[in-house]
Amino acid sequence: MADKNSNVTTDHEQIKQWVEERGGNPARVKGTESKNSPGLLRIDYPGFSGEERLEEITWEEFFEGFDKNKLAFLYQDKTADGKLSRFSKLIDRDTAKAHSG
């Protein structure tokens, strides 16, 4: 559930900048891709959990799936104590509208 410290965007450049500032990269869950889909999208932070299950993909592949699946990017800029936050999650755009409405 989004709180007052959370933001939602569908802007590709904003998402890319947020992720890269935090050392992350676009990824997918291994084995979930098909001819018509890049697979289950994730943001991967090297050295953290998920290394075995995730494979890096291009931003182009990521955003193709992001738009095709009508996703939005829910993120937090700072933690409660003011540190840089890595919290983000991909949500349905309809859910995003409910958060911002």
PDB file of N, CA and C in Angstrom:
ATOM      1  N   MET A   1       0.850  -1.184   0.000  1.00  0.00           N
ATOM      2  CA  MET A   1       0.000   0.000   0.000  1.00  0.00           C
ATOM      3  C   MET A   1       0.895   1.245   0.000  1.00  0.00           C
ATOM      4  N   ALA A   2       0.593   2.167  -0.862  1.00  0.00           N
ATOM      5  CA  ALA A   2       1.386   3.390  -0.957  1.00  0.00           C
ATOM      6  C   ALA A   2       1.124   4.280   0.258  1.00  0.00           C
ATOM      7  N   ASP A   3       2.163   4.935   0.709  1.00  0.00           N
ATOM      8  CA  ASP A   3       1.975   5.896   1.793  1.00  0.00           C
ATOM      9  C   ASP A   3       2.367   7.276   1.266  1.00  0.00           C
ATOM     10  N   LYS A   4       2.389   8.256   2.148  1.00  0.00           N
ATOM     11  CA  LYS A   4       2.653   9.623   1.694  1.00  0.00           C
ATOM     12  C   LYS A   4       4.067   9.805   1.143  1.00  0.00           C
ATOM     13  N   ASN A   5       4.967   8.855   1.417  1.00  0.00           N
ATOM     14  CA  ASN A   5       6.326   8.945   0.908  1.00  0.00           C
ATOM     15  C   ASN A   5       6.506   8.245  -0.429  1.00  0.00           C
ATOM     16  N   SER A   6       5.434   7.666  -0.977  1.00  0.00           N
ATOM     17  CA  SER A   6       5.518   6.920  -2.227  1.00  0.00           C
ATOM     18  C   SER A   6       5.065   7.775  -3.404  1.00  0.00           C
ATOM     19  N   ASN A   7       5.634   7.487  -4.545  1.00  0.00           N
ATOM     20  CA  ASN A   7       5.278   8.146  -5.792  1.00  0.00           C
ATOM     21  C   ASN A   7       4.966   7.071  -6.829  1.00  0.00           C
ATOM     22  N   VAL A   8       4.211   7.449  -7.843  1.00  0.00           N
ATOM     23  CA  VAL A   8       3.889   6.527  -8.933  1.00  0.00           C
ATOM     24  C   VAL A   8       4.156   7.243 -10.242  1.00  0.00           C
ATOM     25  N   THR A   9       4.793   6.542 -11.195  1.00  0.00           N
ATOM     26  CA  THR A   9       5.039   7.122 -12.508  1.00  0.00           C
ATOM     27  C   THR A   9       4.975   6.044 -13.583  1.00  0.00           C
ATOM     28  N   THR A  10       4.751   6.488 -14.814  1.00  0.00           N
ATOM     29  CA  THR A  10       4.881   5.610 -15.975  1.00  0.00           C
ATOM     30  C   THR A  10       5.930   6.183 -16.929  1.00  0.00           C
ATOM     31  N   ASP A  11       6.599   7.249 -16.514  1.00  0.00           N
ATOM     32  CA  ASP A  11       7.597   7.930 -17.335  1.00  0.00           C
ATOM     33  C   ASP A  11       8.888   7.106 -17.414  1.00  0.00           C
ATOM     34  N   HIS A  12       9.226   6.660 -18.620  1.00  0.00           N
ATOM     35  CA  HIS A  12      10.379   5.777 -18.801  1.00  0.00           C
ATOM     36  C   HIS A  12      11.683   6.401 -18.314  1.00  0.00           C
ATOM     37  N   GLU A  13      11.935   7.653 -18.669  1.00  0.00           N
ATOM     38  CA  GLU A  13      13.188   8.300 -18.264  1.00  0.00           C
ATOM     39  C   GLU A  13      13.281   8.455 -16.755  1.00  0.00           C
ATOM     40  N   GLN A  14      12.175   8.800 -16.124  1.00  0.00           N
ATOM     41  CA  GLN A  14      12.157   8.959 -14.669  1.00  0.00           C
ATOM     42  C   GLN A  14      12.452   7.624 -13.978  1.00  0.00           C
ATOM     43  N   ILE A  15      11.853   6.559 -14.477  1.00  0.00           N
ATOM     44  CA  ILE A  15      12.078   5.221 -13.902  1.00  0.00           C
ATOM     45  C   ILE A  15      13.534   4.818 -14.075  1.00  0.00           C
ATOM     46  N   LYS A  16      14.038   4.964 -15.287  1.00  0.00           N
ATOM     47  CA  LYS A  16      15.423   4.581 -15.582  1.00  0.00           C
ATOM     48  C   LYS A  16      16.396   5.345 -14.688  1.00  0.00           C
ATOM     49  N   GLN A  17      16.191   6.643 -14.564  1.00  0.00           N
ATOM     50  CA  GLN A  17      17.075   7.471 -13.729  1.00  0.00           C
ATOM     51  C   GLN A  17      17.017   7.018 -12.266  1.00  0.00           C
ATOM     52  N   TRP A  18      15.812   6.780 -11.743  1.00  0.00           N
ATOM     53  CA  TRP A  18      15.644   6.369 -10.342  1.00  0.00           C
ATOM     54  C   TRP A  18      16.389   5.061 -10.089  1.00  0.00           C
ATOM     55  N   VAL A  19      16.207   4.095 -10.985  1.00  0.00           N
ATOM     56  CA  VAL A  19      16.831   2.774 -10.827  1.00  0.00           C
ATOM     57  C   VAL A  19      18.354   2.874 -10.921  1.00  0.00           C
ATOM     58  N   GLU A  20      18.838   3.587 -11.930  1.00  0.00           N
ATOM     59  CA  GLU A  20      20.285   3.661 -12.131  1.00  0.00           C
ATOM     60  C   GLU A  20      20.988   4.447 -11.035  1.00  0.00           C
ATOM     61  N   GLU A  21      20.327   5.462 -10.460  1.00  0.00           N
ATOM     62  CA  GLU A  21      20.911   6.197  -9.326  1.00  0.00           C
ATOM     63  C   GLU A  21      21.144   5.283  -8.132  1.00  0.00           C
ATOM     64  N   ARG A  22      20.399   4.194  -8.068  1.00  0.00           N
ATOM     65  CA  ARG A  22      20.491   3.262  -6.944  1.00  0.00           C
ATOM     66  C   ARG A  22      21.262   1.993  -7.298  1.00  0.00           C
ATOM     67  N   GLY A  23      21.908   1.991  -8.459  1.00  0.00           N
ATOM     68  CA  GLY A  23      22.747   0.863  -8.870  1.00  0.00           C
ATOM     69  C   GLY A  23      21.979  -0.335  -9.398  1.00  0.00           C
ATOM     70  N   GLY A  24      20.720  -0.135  -9.733  1.00  0.00           N
ATOM     71  CA  GLY A  24      19.912  -1.247 -10.226  1.00  0.00           C
ATOM     72  C   GLY A  24      19.911  -1.333 -11.735  1.00  0.00           C
ATOM     73  N   ASN A  25      19.321  -2.421 -12.222  1.00  0.00           N
ATOM     74  CA  ASN A  25      19.157  -2.579 -13.656  1.00  0.00           C
ATOM     75  C   ASN A  25      17.896  -3.387 -13.948  1.00  0.00           C
ATOM     76  N   PRO A  26      17.376  -3.267 -15.168  1.00  0.00           N
ATOM     77  CA  PRO A  26      16.167  -3.997 -15.527  1.00  0.00           C
ATOM     78  C   PRO A  26      16.469  -5.490 -15.633  1.00  0.00           C
ATOM     79  N   ALA A  27      15.522  -6.297 -15.199  1.00  0.00           N
ATOM     80  CA  ALA A  27      15.716  -7.746 -15.222  1.00  0.00           C
ATOM     81  C   ALA A  27      14.371  -8.436 -15.387  1.00  0.00           C
ATOM     82  N   ARG A  28      14.468  -9.739 -15.625  1.00  0.00           N
ATOM     83  CA  ARG A  28      13.260 -10.555 -15.647  1.00  0.00           C
ATOM     84  C   ARG A  28      13.535 -11.834 -14.883  1.00  0.00           C
ATOM     85  N   VAL A  29      12.463 -12.475 -14.442  1.00  0.00           N
ATOM     86  CA  VAL A  29      12.592 -13.777 -13.791  1.00  0.00           C
ATOM     87  C   VAL A  29      12.947 -14.782 -14.882  1.00  0.00           C
ATOM     88  N   LYS A  30      14.031 -15.535 -14.693  1.00  0.00           N
ATOM     89  CA  LYS A  30      14.494 -16.497 -15.689  1.00  0.00           C
ATOM     90  C   LYS A  30      13.390 -17.484 -16.043  1.00  0.00           C
ATOM     91  N   GLY A  31      13.276 -17.748 -17.344  1.00  0.00           N
ATOM     92  CA  GLY A  31      12.333 -18.760 -17.806  1.00  0.00           C
ATOM     93  C   GLY A  31      10.899 -18.283 -17.968  1.00  0.00           C
ATOM     94  N   THR A  32      10.631 -16.986 -17.740  1.00  0.00           N
ATOM     95  CA  THR A  32       9.253 -16.498 -17.852  1.00  0.00           C
ATOM     96  C   THR A  32       8.992 -15.824 -19.201  1.00  0.00           C
ATOM     97  N   GLU A  33      10.045 -15.631 -19.996  1.00  0.00           N
ATOM     98  CA  GLU A  33       9.855 -14.960 -21.276  1.00  0.00           C
ATOM     99  C   GLU A  33       9.246 -15.912 -22.309  1.00  0.00           C
ATOM    100  N   SER A  34       8.584 -15.343 -23.295  1.00  0.00           N
ATOM    101  CA  SER A  34       8.040 -16.113 -24.410  1.00  0.00           C
ATOM    102  C   SER A  34       8.202 -15.281 -25.671  1.00  0.00           C
ATOM    103  N   LYS A  35       7.729 -15.805 -26.784  1.00  0.00           N
ATOM    104  CA  LYS A  35       7.852 -15.072 -28.047  1.00  0.00           C
ATOM    105  C   LYS A  35       7.149 -13.721 -27.973  1.00  0.00           C
ATOM    106  N   ASN A  36       6.054 -13.656 -27.240  1.00  0.00           N
ATOM    107  CA  ASN A  36       5.250 -12.435 -27.183  1.00  0.00           C
ATOM    108  C   ASN A  36       5.445 -11.609 -25.916  1.00  0.00           C
ATOM    109  N   SER A  37       6.325 -12.039 -25.026  1.00  0.00           N
ATOM    110  CA  SER A  37       6.470 -11.356 -23.747  1.00  0.00           C
ATOM    111  C   SER A  37       7.903 -11.412 -23.250  1.00  0.00           C
ATOM    112  N   PRO A  38       8.398 -10.284 -22.694  1.00  0.00           N
ATOM    113  CA  PRO A  38       9.733 -10.311 -22.110  1.00  0.00           C
ATOM    114  C   PRO A  38       9.777 -11.058 -20.774  1.00  0.00           C
ATOM    115  N   GLY A  39       8.617 -11.435 -20.233  1.00  0.00           N
ATOM    116  CA  GLY A  39       8.580 -12.188 -18.982  1.00  0.00           C
ATOM    117  C   GLY A  39       8.217 -11.326 -17.792  1.00  0.00           C
ATOM    118  N   LEU A  40       8.345 -11.901 -16.603  1.00  0.00           N
ATOM    119  CA  LEU A  40       8.040 -11.186 -15.359  1.00  0.00           C
ATOM    120  C   LEU A  40       9.150 -10.188 -15.074  1.00  0.00           C
ATOM    121  N   LEU A  41       8.809  -8.926 -15.092  1.00  0.00           N
ATOM    122  CA  LEU A  41       9.789  -7.850 -14.940  1.00  0.00           C
ATOM    123  C   LEU A  41      10.146  -7.607 -13.479  1.00  0.00           C
ATOM    124  N   ARG A  42      11.398  -7.276 -13.270  1.00  0.00           N
ATOM    125  CA  ARG A  42      11.894  -6.940 -11.939  1.00  0.00           C
ATOM    126  C   ARG A  42      12.972  -5.868 -12.082  1.00  0.00           C
ATOM    127  N   ILE A  43      13.314  -5.241 -10.953  1.00  0.00           N
ATOM    128  CA  ILE A  43      14.497  -4.390 -10.875  1.00  0.00           C
ATOM    129  C   ILE A  43      15.494  -5.172 -10.030  1.00  0.00           C
ATOM    130  N   ASP A  44      16.695  -5.340 -10.556  1.00  0.00           N
ATOM    131  CA  ASP A  44      17.714  -6.129  -9.864  1.00  0.00           C
ATOM    132  C   ASP A  44      18.807  -5.216  -9.330  1.00  0.00           C
ATOM    133  N   TYR A  45      19.191  -5.468  -8.106  1.00  0.00           N
ATOM    134  CA  TYR A  45      20.321  -4.772  -7.494  1.00  0.00           C
ATOM    135  C   TYR A  45      21.403  -5.813  -7.271  1.00  0.00           C
ATOM    136  N   PRO A  46      22.469  -5.811  -8.087  1.00  0.00           N
ATOM    137  CA  PRO A  46      23.524  -6.818  -7.970  1.00  0.00           C
ATOM    138  C   PRO A  46      24.023  -6.946  -6.533  1.00  0.00           C
ATOM    139  N   GLY A  47      24.200  -8.189  -6.108  1.00  0.00           N
ATOM    140  CA  GLY A  47      24.675  -8.446  -4.757  1.00  0.00           C
ATOM    141  C   GLY A  47      23.556  -8.677  -3.764  1.00  0.00           C
ATOM    142  N   PHE A  48      22.315  -8.521  -4.195  1.00  0.00           N
ATOM    143  CA  PHE A  48      21.179  -8.744  -3.308  1.00  0.00           C
ATOM    144  C   PHE A  48      20.469 -10.032  -3.703  1.00  0.00           C
ATOM    145  N   SER A  49      19.446 -10.398  -2.977  1.00  0.00           N
ATOM    146  CA  SER A  49      18.725 -11.630  -3.259  1.00  0.00           C
ATOM    147  C   SER A  49      18.168 -11.601  -4.672  1.00  0.00           C
ATOM    148  N   GLY A  50      18.016 -12.768  -5.247  1.00  0.00           N
ATOM    149  CA  GLY A  50      17.431 -12.849  -6.561  1.00  0.00           C
ATOM    150  C   GLY A  50      18.433 -13.112  -7.666  1.00  0.00           C
ATOM    151  N   GLU A  51      19.728 -13.096  -7.336  1.00  0.00           N
ATOM    152  CA  GLU A  51      20.737 -13.296  -8.370  1.00  0.00           C
ATOM    153  C   GLU A  51      20.551 -14.603  -9.128  1.00  0.00           C
ATOM    154  N   GLU A  52      20.118 -15.642  -8.447  1.00  0.00           N
ATOM    155  CA  GLU A  52      19.941 -16.944  -9.086  1.00  0.00           C
ATOM    156  C   GLU A  52      18.737 -16.966 -10.006  1.00  0.00           C
ATOM    157  N   ARG A  53      17.724 -16.166  -9.685  1.00  0.00           N
ATOM    158  CA  ARG A  53      16.453 -16.234 -10.401  1.00  0.00           C
ATOM    159  C   ARG A  53      16.297 -15.170 -11.481  1.00  0.00           C
ATOM    160  N   LEU A  54      17.134 -14.134 -11.446  1.00  0.00           N
ATOM    161  CA  LEU A  54      16.942 -13.018 -12.361  1.00  0.00           C
ATOM    162  C   LEU A  54      18.021 -12.971 -13.434  1.00  0.00           C
ATOM    163  N   GLU A  55      17.622 -12.463 -14.622  1.00  0.00           N
ATOM    164  CA  GLU A  55      18.614 -12.196 -15.654  1.00  0.00           C
ATOM    165  C   GLU A  55      18.402 -10.788 -16.163  1.00  0.00           C
ATOM    166  N   GLU A  56      19.513 -10.101 -16.411  1.00  0.00           N
ATOM    167  CA  GLU A  56      19.448  -8.714 -16.862  1.00  0.00           C
ATOM    168  C   GLU A  56      18.880  -8.656 -18.279  1.00  0.00           C
ATOM    169  N   ILE A  57      18.053  -7.634 -18.537  1.00  0.00           N
ATOM    170  CA  ILE A  57      17.523  -7.386 -19.879  1.00  0.00           C
ATOM    171  C   ILE A  57      17.784  -5.918 -20.206  1.00  0.00           C
ATOM    172  N   THR A  58      17.517  -5.540 -21.447  1.00  0.00           N
ATOM    173  CA  THR A  58      17.729  -4.134 -21.837  1.00  0.00           C
ATOM    174  C   THR A  58      16.554  -3.294 -21.344  1.00  0.00           C
ATOM    175  N   TRP A  59      16.794  -1.997 -21.255  1.00  0.00           N
ATOM    176  CA  TRP A  59      15.702  -1.089 -20.900  1.00  0.00           C
ATOM    177  C   TRP A  59      14.600  -1.173 -21.952  1.00  0.00           C
ATOM    178  N   GLU A  60      15.000  -1.347 -23.218  1.00  0.00           N
ATOM    179  CA  GLU A  60      14.008  -1.448 -24.298  1.00  0.00           C
ATOM    180  C   GLU A  60      13.069  -2.636 -24.060  1.00  0.00           C
ATOM    181  N   GLU A  61      13.637  -3.795 -23.724  1.00  0.00           N
ATOM    182  CA  GLU A  61      12.811  -4.975 -23.416  1.00  0.00           C
ATOM    183  C   GLU A  61      11.928  -4.719 -22.187  1.00  0.00           C
ATOM    184  N   PHE A  62      12.535  -4.115 -21.182  1.00  0.00           N
ATOM    185  CA  PHE A  62      11.804  -3.841 -19.943  1.00  0.00           C
ATOM    186  C   PHE A  62      10.581  -2.967 -20.220  1.00  0.00           C
ATOM    187  N   PHE A  63      10.796  -1.851 -20.928  1.00  0.00           N
ATOM    188  CA  PHE A  63       9.692  -0.914 -21.154  1.00  0.00           C
ATOM    189  C   PHE A  63       8.665  -1.446 -22.154  1.00  0.00           C
ATOM    190  N   GLU A  64       9.089  -2.340 -23.049  1.00  0.00           N
ATOM    191  CA  GLU A  64       8.132  -2.981 -23.947  1.00  0.00           C
ATOM    192  C   GLU A  64       7.117  -3.781 -23.116  1.00  0.00           C
ATOM    193  N   GLY A  65       7.619  -4.570 -22.176  1.00  0.00           N
ATOM    194  CA  GLY A  65       6.735  -5.338 -21.300  1.00  0.00           C
ATOM    195  C   GLY A  65       5.965  -4.452 -20.337  1.00  0.00           C
ATOM    196  N   PHE A  66       6.624  -3.405 -19.858  1.00  0.00           N
ATOM    197  CA  PHE A  66       6.026  -2.455 -18.924  1.00  0.00           C
ATOM    198  C   PHE A  66       4.775  -1.827 -19.539  1.00  0.00           C
ATOM    199  N   ASP A  67       4.903  -1.370 -20.784  1.00  0.00           N
ATOM    200  CA  ASP A  67       3.772  -0.723 -21.464  1.00  0.00           C
ATOM    201  C   ASP A  67       2.726  -1.733 -21.924  1.00  0.00           C
ATOM    202  N   LYS A  68       3.183  -2.855 -22.450  1.00  0.00           N
ATOM    203  CA  LYS A  68       2.263  -3.886 -22.942  1.00  0.00           C
ATOM    204  C   LYS A  68       1.353  -4.396 -21.814  1.00  0.00           C
ATOM    205  N   ASN A  69       1.921  -4.506 -20.621  1.00  0.00           N
ATOM    206  CA  ASN A  69       1.169  -5.009 -19.463  1.00  0.00           C
ATOM    207  C   ASN A  69       0.520  -3.894 -18.650  1.00  0.00           C
ATOM    208  N   LYS A  70       0.589  -2.664 -19.174  1.00  0.00           N
ATOM    209  CA  LYS A  70      -0.029  -1.503 -18.521  1.00  0.00           C
ATOM    210  C   LYS A  70       0.377  -1.394 -17.044  1.00  0.00           C
ATOM    211  N   LEU A  71       1.698  -1.382 -16.836  1.00  0.00           N
ATOM    212  CA  LEU A  71       2.234  -1.287 -15.485  1.00  0.00           C
ATOM    213  C   LEU A  71       2.568   0.156 -15.135  1.00  0.00           C
ATOM    214  N   ALA A  72       2.664   0.412 -13.851  1.00  0.00           N
ATOM    215  CA  ALA A  72       3.141   1.680 -13.315  1.00  0.00           C
ATOM    216  C   ALA A  72       4.233   1.360 -12.301  1.00  0.00           C
ATOM    217  N   PHE A  73       5.086   2.323 -12.037  1.00  0.00           N
ATOM    218  CA  PHE A  73       6.229   2.150 -11.138  1.00  0.00           C
ATOM    219  C   PHE A  73       5.954   2.901  -9.847  1.00  0.00           C
ATOM    220  N   LEU A  74       5.753   2.156  -8.772  1.00  0.00           N
ATOM    221  CA  LEU A  74       5.551   2.718  -7.435  1.00  0.00           C
ATOM    222  C   LEU A  74       6.922   2.752  -6.769  1.00  0.00           C
ATOM    223  N   TYR A  75       7.325   3.911  -6.261  1.00  0.00           N
ATOM    224  CA  TYR A  75       8.662   4.021  -5.686  1.00  0.00           C
ATOM    225  C   TYR A  75       8.698   5.006  -4.527  1.00  0.00           C
ATOM    226  N   GLN A  76       9.768   4.894  -3.774  1.00  0.00           N
ATOM    227  CA  GLN A  76       9.991   5.768  -2.614  1.00  0.00           C
ATOM    228  C   GLN A  76      11.370   6.389  -2.793  1.00  0.00           C
ATOM    229  N   ASP A  77      11.459   7.719  -2.709  1.00  0.00           N
ATOM    230  CA  ASP A  77      12.756   8.384  -2.861  1.00  0.00           C
ATOM    231  C   ASP A  77      13.632   8.236  -1.626  1.00  0.00           C
ATOM    232  N   LYS A  78      13.028   8.399  -0.458  1.00  0.00           N
ATOM    233  CA  LYS A  78      13.788   8.359   0.803  1.00  0.00           C
ATOM    234  C   LYS A  78      13.104   7.429   1.795  1.00  0.00           C
ATOM    235  N   THR A  79      13.903   6.814   2.648  1.00  0.00           N
ATOM    236  CA  THR A  79      13.359   5.999   3.735  1.00  0.00           C
ATOM    237  C   THR A  79      12.829   6.937   4.818  1.00  0.00           C
ATOM    238  N   ALA A  80      12.144   6.393   5.798  1.00  0.00           N
ATOM    239  CA  ALA A  80      11.582   7.200   6.887  1.00  0.00           C
ATOM    240  C   ALA A  80      12.659   8.014   7.603  1.00  0.00           C
ATOM    241  N   ASP A  81      13.892   7.478   7.670  1.00  0.00           N
ATOM    242  CA  ASP A  81      14.967   8.210   8.349  1.00  0.00           C
ATOM    243  C   ASP A  81      15.801   9.077   7.390  1.00  0.00           C
ATOM    244  N   GLY A  82      15.289   9.276   6.151  1.00  0.00           N
ATOM    245  CA  GLY A  82      15.923  10.212   5.238  1.00  0.00           C
ATOM    246  C   GLY A  82      16.998   9.650   4.330  1.00  0.00           C
ATOM    247  N   LYS A  83      17.259   8.344   4.407  1.00  0.00           N
ATOM    248  CA  LYS A  83      18.265   7.736   3.543  1.00  0.00           C
ATOM    249  C   LYS A  83      17.664   7.447   2.163  1.00  0.00           C
ATOM    250  N   LEU A  84      18.538   7.269   1.165  1.00  0.00           N
ATOM    251  CA  LEU A  84      18.105   6.924  -0.184  1.00  0.00           C
ATOM    252  C   LEU A  84      17.395   5.568  -0.141  1.00  0.00           C
ATOM    253  N   SER A  85      16.186   5.517  -0.666  1.00  0.00           N
ATOM    254  CA  SER A  85      15.403   4.279  -0.630  1.00  0.00           C
ATOM    255  C   SER A  85      15.532   3.509  -1.930  1.00  0.00           C
ATOM    256  N   ARG A  86      15.525   2.191  -1.829  1.00  0.00           N
ATOM    257  CA  ARG A  86      15.493   1.330  -3.002  1.00  0.00           C
ATOM    258  C   ARG A  86      14.125   0.683  -3.155  1.00  0.00           C
ATOM    259  N   PHE A  87      13.158   1.106  -2.343  1.00  0.00           N
ATOM    260  CA  PHE A  87      11.837   0.480  -2.416  1.00  0.00           C
ATOM    261  C   PHE A  87      11.129   0.868  -3.704  1.00  0.00           C
ATOM    262  N   SER A  88      10.745  -0.146  -4.464  1.00  0.00           N
ATOM    263  CA  SER A  88       9.922   0.081  -5.650  1.00  0.00           C
ATOM    264  C   SER A  88       9.152  -1.195  -5.941  1.00  0.00           C
ATOM    265  N   LYS A  89       8.074  -1.025  -6.701  1.00  0.00           N
ATOM    266  CA  LYS A  89       7.349  -2.192  -7.136  1.00  0.00           C
ATOM    267  C   LYS A  89       6.544  -1.851  -8.373  1.00  0.00           C
ATOM    268  N   LEU A  90       6.340  -2.851  -9.200  1.00  0.00           N
ATOM    269  CA  LEU A  90       5.558  -2.671 -10.416  1.00  0.00           C
ATOM    270  C   LEU A  90       4.111  -2.995 -10.083  1.00  0.00           C
ATOM    271  N   ILE A  91       3.227  -2.059 -10.415  1.00  0.00           N
ATOM    272  CA  ILE A  91       1.809  -2.246 -10.106  1.00  0.00           C
ATOM    273  C   ILE A  91       0.984  -1.998 -11.369  1.00  0.00           C
ATOM    274  N   ASP A  92      -0.246  -2.435 -11.341  1.00  0.00           N
ATOM    275  CA  ASP A  92      -1.173  -2.217 -12.429  1.00  0.00           C
ATOM    276  C   ASP A  92      -1.512  -0.719 -12.520  1.00  0.00           C
ATOM    277  N   ARG A  93      -1.612  -0.185 -13.722  1.00  0.00           N
ATOM    278  CA  ARG A  93      -1.898   1.244 -13.873  1.00  0.00           C
ATOM    279  C   ARG A  93      -3.252   1.633 -13.274  1.00  0.00           C
ATOM    280  N   ASP A  94      -4.215   0.719 -13.319  1.00  0.00           N
ATOM    281  CA  ASP A  94      -5.512   1.011 -12.702  1.00  0.00           C
ATOM    282  C   ASP A  94      -5.376   1.177 -11.194  1.00  0.00           C
ATOM    283  N   THR A  95      -4.532   0.353 -10.586  1.00  0.00           N
ATOM    284  CA  THR A  95      -4.245   0.465  -9.154  1.00  0.00           C
ATOM    285  C   THR A  95      -3.544   1.790  -8.872  1.00  0.00           C
ATOM    286  N   ALA A  96      -2.653   2.186  -9.771  1.00  0.00           N
ATOM    287  CA  ALA A  96      -1.928   3.453  -9.615  1.00  0.00           C
ATOM    288  C   ALA A  96      -2.884   4.628  -9.611  1.00  0.00           C
ATOM    289  N   LYS A  97      -3.889   4.582 -10.478  1.00  0.00           N
ATOM    290  CA  LYS A  97      -4.874   5.673 -10.506  1.00  0.00           C
ATOM    291  C   LYS A  97      -5.605   5.772  -9.181  1.00  0.00           C
ATOM    292  N   ALA A  98      -5.892   4.640  -8.567  1.00  0.00           N
ATOM    293  CA  ALA A  98      -6.576   4.647  -7.266  1.00  0.00           C
ATOM    294  C   ALA A  98      -5.692   5.282  -6.199  1.00  0.00           C
ATOM    295  N   HIS A  99      -4.370   5.052  -6.272  1.00  0.00           N
ATOM    296  CA  HIS A  99      -3.442   5.640  -5.296  1.00  0.00           C
ATOM    297  C   HIS A  99      -3.357   7.145  -5.432  1.00  0.00           C
ATOM    298  N   SER A 100      -3.398   7.613  -6.682  1.00  0.00           N
ATOM    299  CA  SER A 100      -3.222   9.045  -6.879  1.00  0.00           C
ATOM    300  C   SER A 100      -4.542   9.803  -6.819  1.00  0.00           C
ATOM    301  N   GLY A 101      -5.668   9.080  -6.888  1.00  0.00           N
ATOM    302  CA  GLY A 101      -6.973   9.738  -6.883  1.00  0.00           C
ATOM    303  C   GLY A 101      -7.419   9.988  -5.534  1.00  0.00           C
TER     304      GLY A 101
END
